[in-house]
């Protein structure tokens, strides 16, 4: 049982959905990013999704692309991202941390070394968007052998023929991408998402969490109601881009969390 498994078990017992918040590590700078991340659990976040800055973020929309650029320009690296996770873990031993990014920085580091460093930093799971199931031997299987969940994305184009392949080595939860396209590009609709979530849940015992296109507490509540939780990223990252005070950012996160938990 990982922290992710424990969190979903606890929420299930409480009859609540999970609120997952995404922020880019090191955006707009290391110290501000750490302050925000340390404040997320107190703002009602159940799982923290920590973006690993990368120069070619093909799945991300403009808001998160710019966040990655700001972080890189401020000196954020893989080592500093792991350090940020470790700093959070030093004060919070229960909130799961999922590292989300692309394979290139991990491959460059070397998979065995990266996995050991991730474990040492308190990372609980990985979402690596450019490694399909056909490449599970690259990272997915070694990660799970090391005790890290490997979380896979399912999308509106994941049909019944493809779904078993997507699910076969997934653990922790399934991340359902509620729209076709990049992050922040459209608004998710619960009535459109519900049939696909039900189809995925019929094929797995894992929780299914919906992300992409969720911007408001009302939307978070509606989407979480048809799934096991909701992920919000771009709406939070946009506040960071605007230079809002940390307290204001965390207050907005709290509203999104309350919306999700009200589902």
C-alpha atoms as a PDB file:
ATOM      1  CA  UNK A   1       0.000   0.000   0.000  1.00  0.00           C
ATOM      2  CA  UNK A   2       1.366   3.375  -1.032  1.00  0.00           C
ATOM      3  CA  UNK A   3       0.322   6.772   0.326  1.00  0.00           C
ATOM      4  CA  UNK A   4      -1.873   7.081  -2.772  1.00  0.00           C
ATOM      5  CA  UNK A   5      -3.635   3.795  -1.986  1.00  0.00           C
ATOM      6  CA  UNK A   6      -4.049   4.825   1.656  1.00  0.00           C
ATOM      7  CA  UNK A   7      -5.496   8.208   0.662  1.00  0.00           C
ATOM      8  CA  UNK A   8      -8.134   6.737  -1.624  1.00  0.00           C
ATOM      9  CA  UNK A   9      -9.030   4.096   0.991  1.00  0.00           C
ATOM     10  CA  UNK A  10      -9.521   6.818   3.606  1.00  0.00           C
ATOM     11  CA  UNK A  11     -11.580   9.015   1.279  1.00  0.00           C
ATOM     12  CA  UNK A  12     -13.700   6.061   0.249  1.00  0.00           C
ATOM     13  CA  UNK A  13     -14.422   5.290   3.900  1.00  0.00           C
ATOM     14  CA  UNK A  14     -15.390   8.931   4.418  1.00  0.00           C
ATOM     15  CA  UNK A  15     -17.588   8.979   1.321  1.00  0.00           C
ATOM     16  CA  UNK A  16     -15.546  11.770  -0.268  1.00  0.00           C
ATOM     17  CA  UNK A  17     -13.881  12.355  -3.632  1.00  0.00           C
ATOM     18  CA  UNK A  18     -10.187  13.185  -3.996  1.00  0.00           C
ATOM     19  CA  UNK A  19      -9.009  16.656  -4.868  1.00  0.00           C
ATOM     20  CA  UNK A  20      -5.723  16.623  -6.781  1.00  0.00           C
ATOM     21  CA  UNK A  21      -3.890  19.922  -7.355  1.00  0.00           C
ATOM     22  CA  UNK A  22      -1.200  20.393  -9.995  1.00  0.00           C
ATOM     23  CA  UNK A  23       1.545  22.994  -9.731  1.00  0.00           C
ATOM     24  CA  UNK A  24       4.781  23.348 -11.664  1.00  0.00           C
ATOM     25  CA  UNK A  25       7.828  22.841  -9.452  1.00  0.00           C
ATOM     26  CA  UNK A  26       9.912  26.007  -9.266  1.00  0.00           C
ATOM     27  CA  UNK A  27       7.238  28.358 -10.649  1.00  0.00           C
ATOM     28  CA  UNK A  28       7.735  31.299 -10.443  1.00  0.00           C
ATOM     29  CA  UNK A  29      10.852  30.563  -8.364  1.00  0.00           C
ATOM     30  CA  UNK A  30      11.955  27.876  -5.932  1.00  0.00           C
ATOM     31  CA  UNK A  31      11.093  29.663  -2.679  1.00  0.00           C
ATOM     32  CA  UNK A  32       7.616  30.782  -3.772  1.00  0.00           C
ATOM     33  CA  UNK A  33       6.898  27.366  -5.239  1.00  0.00           C
ATOM     34  CA  UNK A  34       7.883  25.668  -1.996  1.00  0.00           C
ATOM     35  CA  UNK A  35       5.658  28.026   0.001  1.00  0.00           C
ATOM     36  CA  UNK A  36       2.705  27.214  -2.253  1.00  0.00           C
ATOM     37  CA  UNK A  37       3.324  23.461  -2.196  1.00  0.00           C
ATOM     38  CA  UNK A  38       3.682  23.427   1.591  1.00  0.00           C
ATOM     39  CA  UNK A  39       0.328  25.218   1.839  1.00  0.00           C
ATOM     40  CA  UNK A  40      -1.605  22.821  -0.393  1.00  0.00           C
ATOM     41  CA  UNK A  41      -2.451  20.125   2.195  1.00  0.00           C
ATOM     42  CA  UNK A  42      -3.820  22.758   4.576  1.00  0.00           C
ATOM     43  CA  UNK A  43      -5.949  24.090   1.711  1.00  0.00           C
ATOM     44  CA  UNK A  44      -7.689  20.733   1.355  1.00  0.00           C
ATOM     45  CA  UNK A  45      -5.532  19.070  -1.304  1.00  0.00           C
ATOM     46  CA  UNK A  46      -5.560  15.274  -1.025  1.00  0.00           C
ATOM     47  CA  UNK A  47      -2.852  14.540  -3.612  1.00  0.00           C
ATOM     48  CA  UNK A  48      -0.200  16.932  -4.923  1.00  0.00           C
ATOM     49  CA  UNK A  49       0.763  16.638  -8.573  1.00  0.00           C
ATOM     50  CA  UNK A  50       4.158  18.242  -9.021  1.00  0.00           C
ATOM     51  CA  UNK A  51       5.153  19.212 -12.542  1.00  0.00           C
ATOM     52  CA  UNK A  52       8.716  18.537 -13.655  1.00  0.00           C
ATOM     53  CA  UNK A  53       9.764  21.429 -15.945  1.00  0.00           C
ATOM     54  CA  UNK A  54      10.754  20.363 -19.457  1.00  0.00           C
ATOM     55  CA  UNK A  55      11.662  22.259 -22.597  1.00  0.00           C
ATOM     56  CA  UNK A  56       9.197  20.448 -24.902  1.00  0.00           C
ATOM     57  CA  UNK A  57       5.938  19.852 -22.954  1.00  0.00           C
ATOM     58  CA  UNK A  58       3.839  18.512 -25.809  1.00  0.00           C
ATOM     59  CA  UNK A  59       0.723  17.635 -23.749  1.00  0.00           C
ATOM     60  CA  UNK A  60       0.496  20.999 -22.019  1.00  0.00           C
ATOM     61  CA  UNK A  61      -1.360  24.124 -23.025  1.00  0.00           C
ATOM     62  CA  UNK A  62       0.058  27.653 -22.962  1.00  0.00           C
ATOM     63  CA  UNK A  63      -0.518  28.233 -19.243  1.00  0.00           C
ATOM     64  CA  UNK A  64       1.522  25.238 -18.105  1.00  0.00           C
ATOM     65  CA  UNK A  65       4.070  25.654 -20.895  1.00  0.00           C
ATOM     66  CA  UNK A  66       4.764  29.167 -19.629  1.00  0.00           C
ATOM     67  CA  UNK A  67       4.974  27.877 -16.059  1.00  0.00           C
ATOM     68  CA  UNK A  68       7.661  25.436 -17.137  1.00  0.00           C
ATOM     69  CA  UNK A  69       9.558  28.185 -18.917  1.00  0.00           C
ATOM     70  CA  UNK A  70       9.420  30.413 -15.834  1.00  0.00           C
ATOM     71  CA  UNK A  71      10.667  27.595 -13.666  1.00  0.00           C
ATOM     72  CA  UNK A  72      13.523  26.711 -15.998  1.00  0.00           C
ATOM     73  CA  UNK A  73      14.541  30.355 -16.306  1.00  0.00           C
ATOM     74  CA  UNK A  74      14.561  30.591 -12.505  1.00  0.00           C
ATOM     75  CA  UNK A  75      17.014  27.685 -12.353  1.00  0.00           C
ATOM     76  CA  UNK A  76      14.682  24.766 -11.643  1.00  0.00           C
ATOM     77  CA  UNK A  77      16.228  21.372 -12.364  1.00  0.00           C
ATOM     78  CA  UNK A  78      15.378  17.754 -11.665  1.00  0.00           C
ATOM     79  CA  UNK A  79      17.551  17.909  -8.553  1.00  0.00           C
ATOM     80  CA  UNK A  80      15.795  21.041  -7.303  1.00  0.00           C
ATOM     81  CA  UNK A  81      12.414  19.454  -7.991  1.00  0.00           C
ATOM     82  CA  UNK A  82      13.371  16.427  -5.919  1.00  0.00           C
ATOM     83  CA  UNK A  83      14.666  18.775  -3.222  1.00  0.00           C
ATOM     84  CA  UNK A  84      11.336  20.616  -3.210  1.00  0.00           C
ATOM     85  CA  UNK A  85       9.477  17.317  -2.781  1.00  0.00           C
ATOM     86  CA  UNK A  86      11.834  16.320   0.033  1.00  0.00           C
ATOM     87  CA  UNK A  87      11.257  19.655   1.780  1.00  0.00           C
ATOM     88  CA  UNK A  88       7.509  19.082   1.693  1.00  0.00           C
ATOM     89  CA  UNK A  89       7.894  15.500   2.852  1.00  0.00           C
ATOM     90  CA  UNK A  90       9.977  16.645   5.818  1.00  0.00           C
ATOM     91  CA  UNK A  91       6.909  18.440   7.216  1.00  0.00           C
ATOM     92  CA  UNK A  92       4.133  16.235   5.796  1.00  0.00           C
ATOM     93  CA  UNK A  93       4.450  12.468   5.949  1.00  0.00           C
ATOM     94  CA  UNK A  94       0.995  11.584   4.627  1.00  0.00           C
ATOM     95  CA  UNK A  95       0.004  13.679   1.564  1.00  0.00           C
ATOM     96  CA  UNK A  96       0.910  11.781  -1.626  1.00  0.00           C
ATOM     97  CA  UNK A  97       3.218  13.488  -4.127  1.00  0.00           C
ATOM     98  CA  UNK A  98       2.934  12.519  -7.794  1.00  0.00           C
ATOM     99  CA  UNK A  99       5.651  13.709 -10.149  1.00  0.00           C
ATOM    100  CA  UNK A 100       4.233  14.525 -13.585  1.00  0.00           C
ATOM    101  CA  UNK A 101       6.364  15.166 -16.621  1.00  0.00           C
ATOM    102  CA  UNK A 102       8.209  13.720 -19.568  1.00  0.00           C
ATOM    103  CA  UNK A 103      10.685  10.888 -19.938  1.00  0.00           C
ATOM    104  CA  UNK A 104      13.704  12.786 -21.260  1.00  0.00           C
ATOM    105  CA  UNK A 105      14.970  14.172 -17.900  1.00  0.00           C
ATOM    106  CA  UNK A 106      14.457  10.769 -16.262  1.00  0.00           C
ATOM    107  CA  UNK A 107      16.201   8.918 -19.081  1.00  0.00           C
ATOM    108  CA  UNK A 108      19.088  11.383 -18.945  1.00  0.00           C
ATOM    109  CA  UNK A 109      19.483  10.800 -15.207  1.00  0.00           C
ATOM    110  CA  UNK A 110      19.270   7.036 -15.582  1.00  0.00           C
ATOM    111  CA  UNK A 111      16.197   5.107 -14.463  1.00  0.00           C
ATOM    112  CA  UNK A 112      17.691   3.219 -11.459  1.00  0.00           C
ATOM    113  CA  UNK A 113      19.334   6.360 -10.070  1.00  0.00           C
ATOM    114  CA  UNK A 114      16.218   8.461 -10.643  1.00  0.00           C
ATOM    115  CA  UNK A 115      13.919   5.948  -8.949  1.00  0.00           C
ATOM    116  CA  UNK A 116      16.142   5.761  -5.882  1.00  0.00           C
ATOM    117  CA  UNK A 117      16.317   9.550  -5.682  1.00  0.00           C
ATOM    118  CA  UNK A 118      12.551   9.845  -6.123  1.00  0.00           C
ATOM    119  CA  UNK A 119      11.944   7.369  -3.316  1.00  0.00           C
ATOM    120  CA  UNK A 120      14.424   9.170  -1.086  1.00  0.00           C
ATOM    121  CA  UNK A 121      12.627  12.476  -1.781  1.00  0.00           C
ATOM    122  CA  UNK A 122       9.251  11.046  -0.786  1.00  0.00           C
ATOM    123  CA  UNK A 123       7.682  10.797  -4.249  1.00  0.00           C
ATOM    124  CA  UNK A 124       4.794   8.313  -4.309  1.00  0.00           C
ATOM    125  CA  UNK A 125       3.856   8.061  -7.978  1.00  0.00           C
ATOM    126  CA  UNK A 126       4.769   9.032 -11.526  1.00  0.00           C
ATOM    127  CA  UNK A 127       2.800  10.285 -14.507  1.00  0.00           C
ATOM    128  CA  UNK A 128       5.023  10.246 -17.592  1.00  0.00           C
ATOM    129  CA  UNK A 129       2.868  11.329 -20.483  1.00  0.00           C
ATOM    130  CA  UNK A 130       5.126  10.337 -23.370  1.00  0.00           C
ATOM    131  CA  UNK A 131       5.704   6.682 -22.425  1.00  0.00           C
ATOM    132  CA  UNK A 132       2.949   4.468 -23.900  1.00  0.00           C
ATOM    133  CA  UNK A 133       2.166   1.018 -22.458  1.00  0.00           C
ATOM    134  CA  UNK A 134       4.313  -0.594 -25.132  1.00  0.00           C
ATOM    135  CA  UNK A 135       7.318   0.954 -23.336  1.00  0.00           C
ATOM    136  CA  UNK A 136       6.432  -0.287 -19.842  1.00  0.00           C
ATOM    137  CA  UNK A 137       9.813  -1.984 -19.434  1.00  0.00           C
ATOM    138  CA  UNK A 138      11.508   1.427 -19.712  1.00  0.00           C
ATOM    139  CA  UNK A 139      10.094   2.945 -16.519  1.00  0.00           C
ATOM    140  CA  UNK A 140       6.650   1.686 -15.506  1.00  0.00           C
ATOM    141  CA  UNK A 141       7.691  -1.786 -14.355  1.00  0.00           C
ATOM    142  CA  UNK A 142      10.927  -0.659 -12.655  1.00  0.00           C
ATOM    143  CA  UNK A 143       8.998   2.116 -10.877  1.00  0.00           C
ATOM    144  CA  UNK A 144       6.429  -0.291  -9.521  1.00  0.00           C
ATOM    145  CA  UNK A 145       9.148  -2.704  -8.449  1.00  0.00           C
ATOM    146  CA  UNK A 146      10.658   0.209  -6.512  1.00  0.00           C
ATOM    147  CA  UNK A 147       7.345   0.873  -4.743  1.00  0.00           C
ATOM    148  CA  UNK A 148       6.156   3.840  -6.809  1.00  0.00           C
ATOM    149  CA  UNK A 149       2.728   3.946  -8.410  1.00  0.00           C
ATOM    150  CA  UNK A 150       2.732   4.437 -12.175  1.00  0.00           C
ATOM    151  CA  UNK A 151      -0.390   6.358 -13.149  1.00  0.00           C
ATOM    152  CA  UNK A 152      -1.627   6.111 -16.700  1.00  0.00           C
ATOM    153  CA  UNK A 153      -3.755   8.511 -18.704  1.00  0.00           C
ATOM    154  CA  UNK A 154      -6.931   7.402 -20.467  1.00  0.00           C
ATOM    155  CA  UNK A 155      -8.547   9.786 -22.947  1.00  0.00           C
ATOM    156  CA  UNK A 156     -11.776  10.166 -24.932  1.00  0.00           C
ATOM    157  CA  UNK A 157     -10.011   8.334 -27.781  1.00  0.00           C
ATOM    158  CA  UNK A 158      -9.075   5.314 -25.610  1.00  0.00           C
ATOM    159  CA  UNK A 159     -11.523   2.798 -27.064  1.00  0.00           C
ATOM    160  CA  UNK A 160     -12.505  -0.628 -25.716  1.00  0.00           C
ATOM    161  CA  UNK A 161      -9.775  -2.335 -27.726  1.00  0.00           C
ATOM    162  CA  UNK A 162      -7.051  -0.061 -26.312  1.00  0.00           C
ATOM    163  CA  UNK A 163      -8.290   0.266 -22.721  1.00  0.00           C
ATOM    164  CA  UNK A 164      -7.009  -3.108 -21.405  1.00  0.00           C
ATOM    165  CA  UNK A 165      -3.503  -2.257 -22.607  1.00  0.00           C
ATOM    166  CA  UNK A 166      -3.650   1.116 -20.875  1.00  0.00           C
ATOM    167  CA  UNK A 167      -4.832  -0.447 -17.619  1.00  0.00           C
ATOM    168  CA  UNK A 168      -2.641  -3.524 -17.455  1.00  0.00           C
ATOM    169  CA  UNK A 169       0.261  -2.062 -15.443  1.00  0.00           C
ATOM    170  CA  UNK A 170      -1.404   1.071 -14.085  1.00  0.00           C
ATOM    171  CA  UNK A 171      -1.516   1.553 -10.312  1.00  0.00           C
ATOM    172  CA  UNK A 172      -2.591   4.202  -7.823  1.00  0.00           C
ATOM    173  CA  UNK A 173      -5.364   5.646  -9.948  1.00  0.00           C
ATOM    174  CA  UNK A 174      -6.374   6.170 -13.567  1.00  0.00           C
ATOM    175  CA  UNK A 175      -6.193   9.764 -14.772  1.00  0.00           C
ATOM    176  CA  UNK A 176      -9.027  10.356 -17.224  1.00  0.00           C
ATOM    177  CA  UNK A 177      -8.302  13.249 -19.578  1.00  0.00           C
ATOM    178  CA  UNK A 178     -11.758  14.740 -19.951  1.00  0.00           C
ATOM    179  CA  UNK A 179     -11.179  16.592 -23.223  1.00  0.00           C
ATOM    180  CA  UNK A 180      -9.403  15.929 -26.491  1.00  0.00           C
ATOM    181  CA  UNK A 181      -6.429  18.256 -26.687  1.00  0.00           C
ATOM    182  CA  UNK A 182      -3.942  20.001 -24.437  1.00  0.00           C
ATOM    183  CA  UNK A 183      -4.331  21.213 -20.862  1.00  0.00           C
ATOM    184  CA  UNK A 184      -6.450  24.304 -20.355  1.00  0.00           C
ATOM    185  CA  UNK A 185      -7.872  24.232 -23.888  1.00  0.00           C
ATOM    186  CA  UNK A 186     -11.550  23.582 -23.211  1.00  0.00           C
ATOM    187  CA  UNK A 187     -14.066  23.168 -20.414  1.00  0.00           C
ATOM    188  CA  UNK A 188     -14.984  19.668 -19.273  1.00  0.00           C
ATOM    189  CA  UNK A 189     -18.663  18.689 -19.111  1.00  0.00           C
ATOM    190  CA  UNK A 190     -19.823  16.107 -16.566  1.00  0.00           C
ATOM    191  CA  UNK A 191     -22.566  14.670 -18.770  1.00  0.00           C
ATOM    192  CA  UNK A 192     -20.049  14.054 -21.549  1.00  0.00           C
ATOM    193  CA  UNK A 193     -17.427  12.588 -19.227  1.00  0.00           C
ATOM    194  CA  UNK A 194     -19.703  10.316 -17.161  1.00  0.00           C
ATOM    195  CA  UNK A 195     -20.167   7.470 -19.712  1.00  0.00           C
ATOM    196  CA  UNK A 196     -16.432   7.125 -20.325  1.00  0.00           C
ATOM    197  CA  UNK A 197     -15.646   7.181 -16.599  1.00  0.00           C
ATOM    198  CA  UNK A 198     -18.243   4.462 -16.048  1.00  0.00           C
ATOM    199  CA  UNK A 199     -16.727   2.421 -18.875  1.00  0.00           C
ATOM    200  CA  UNK A 200     -13.252   2.671 -17.329  1.00  0.00           C
ATOM    201  CA  UNK A 201     -14.521   1.865 -13.831  1.00  0.00           C
ATOM    202  CA  UNK A 202     -16.184  -1.254 -15.212  1.00  0.00           C
ATOM    203  CA  UNK A 203     -12.783  -2.422 -16.427  1.00  0.00           C
ATOM    204  CA  UNK A 204     -10.692  -1.722 -13.290  1.00  0.00           C
ATOM    205  CA  UNK A 205     -10.891  -1.551  -9.512  1.00  0.00           C
ATOM    206  CA  UNK A 206      -8.627   1.496  -9.492  1.00  0.00           C
ATOM    207  CA  UNK A 207     -10.033   4.940  -8.688  1.00  0.00           C
ATOM    208  CA  UNK A 208     -10.681   7.113 -11.742  1.00  0.00           C
ATOM    209  CA  UNK A 209      -9.850  10.803 -11.389  1.00  0.00           C
ATOM    210  CA  UNK A 210     -10.881  13.390 -13.982  1.00  0.00           C
ATOM    211  CA  UNK A 211      -8.570  16.177 -15.105  1.00  0.00           C
ATOM    212  CA  UNK A 212      -8.156  18.826 -17.858  1.00  0.00           C
ATOM    213  CA  UNK A 213     -10.745  21.550 -18.361  1.00  0.00           C
ATOM    214  CA  UNK A 214     -11.778  22.051 -14.711  1.00  0.00           C
ATOM    215  CA  UNK A 215     -11.557  25.686 -13.670  1.00  0.00           C
ATOM    216  CA  UNK A 216     -14.157  26.445 -10.995  1.00  0.00           C
ATOM    217  CA  UNK A 217     -15.415  24.933  -7.727  1.00  0.00           C
ATOM    218  CA  UNK A 218     -18.762  24.188  -9.398  1.00  0.00           C
ATOM    219  CA  UNK A 219     -17.034  22.374 -12.256  1.00  0.00           C
ATOM    220  CA  UNK A 220     -14.864  20.439  -9.798  1.00  0.00           C
ATOM    221  CA  UNK A 221     -17.970  19.347  -7.888  1.00  0.00           C
ATOM    222  CA  UNK A 222     -19.792  18.298 -11.067  1.00  0.00           C
ATOM    223  CA  UNK A 223     -16.873  16.323 -12.482  1.00  0.00           C
ATOM    224  CA  UNK A 224     -15.942  14.713  -9.174  1.00  0.00           C
ATOM    225  CA  UNK A 225     -19.554  13.564  -8.790  1.00  0.00           C
ATOM    226  CA  UNK A 226     -19.175  11.229 -11.776  1.00  0.00           C
ATOM    227  CA  UNK A 227     -15.694   9.978 -10.803  1.00  0.00           C
ATOM    228  CA  UNK A 228     -13.499   9.344  -7.754  1.00  0.00           C
ATOM    229  CA  UNK A 229     -11.941  12.784  -7.808  1.00  0.00           C
ATOM    230  CA  UNK A 230     -10.923  15.831  -9.804  1.00  0.00           C
ATOM    231  CA  UNK A 231      -7.613  17.355 -10.860  1.00  0.00           C
ATOM    232  CA  UNK A 232      -7.149  21.099 -11.286  1.00  0.00           C
ATOM    233  CA  UNK A 233      -3.946  22.497 -12.746  1.00  0.00           C
ATOM    234  CA  UNK A 234      -4.166  25.369 -15.225  1.00  0.00           C
ATOM    235  CA  UNK A 235      -6.620  27.377 -13.094  1.00  0.00           C
ATOM    236  CA  UNK A 236      -4.133  27.321 -10.195  1.00  0.00           C
ATOM    237  CA  UNK A 237      -1.062  27.883 -12.345  1.00  0.00           C
ATOM    238  CA  UNK A 238      -2.755  30.908 -13.954  1.00  0.00           C
ATOM    239  CA  UNK A 239      -2.952  32.604 -10.544  1.00  0.00           C
ATOM    240  CA  UNK A 240       0.766  31.981 -10.062  1.00  0.00           C
ATOM    241  CA  UNK A 241       1.424  33.474 -13.512  1.00  0.00           C
ATOM    242  CA  UNK A 242      -0.530  36.578 -12.489  1.00  0.00           C
ATOM    243  CA  UNK A 243       1.670  37.024  -9.455  1.00  0.00           C
ATOM    244  CA  UNK A 244      -1.151  36.663  -6.955  1.00  0.00           C
ATOM    245  CA  UNK A 245      -0.152  36.470  -3.265  1.00  0.00           C
ATOM    246  CA  UNK A 246       0.362  32.948  -1.957  1.00  0.00           C
ATOM    247  CA  UNK A 247      -2.508  33.375   0.503  1.00  0.00           C
ATOM    248  CA  UNK A 248      -4.872  34.261  -2.359  1.00  0.00           C
ATOM    249  CA  UNK A 249      -3.717  31.276  -4.416  1.00  0.00           C
ATOM    250  CA  UNK A 250      -4.274  28.919  -1.494  1.00  0.00           C
ATOM    251  CA  UNK A 251      -7.707  30.425  -0.809  1.00  0.00           C
ATOM    252  CA  UNK A 252      -8.707  29.624  -4.397  1.00  0.00           C
ATOM    253  CA  UNK A 253      -7.319  26.112  -3.989  1.00  0.00           C
ATOM    254  CA  UNK A 254      -9.431  25.749  -0.843  1.00  0.00           C
ATOM    255  CA  UNK A 255     -12.565  26.723  -2.800  1.00  0.00           C
ATOM    256  CA  UNK A 256     -11.757  24.134  -5.483  1.00  0.00           C
ATOM    257  CA  UNK A 257     -11.120  21.486  -2.819  1.00  0.00           C
ATOM    258  CA  UNK A 258     -14.383  22.311  -1.071  1.00  0.00           C
ATOM    259  CA  UNK A 259     -16.210  22.005  -4.377  1.00  0.00           C
ATOM    260  CA  UNK A 260     -14.687  18.600  -5.024  1.00  0.00           C
ATOM    261  CA  UNK A 261     -15.366  17.347  -1.523  1.00  0.00           C
ATOM    262  CA  UNK A 262     -18.988  18.475  -1.796  1.00  0.00           C
ATOM    263  CA  UNK A 263     -19.604  16.103  -4.698  1.00  0.00           C
END
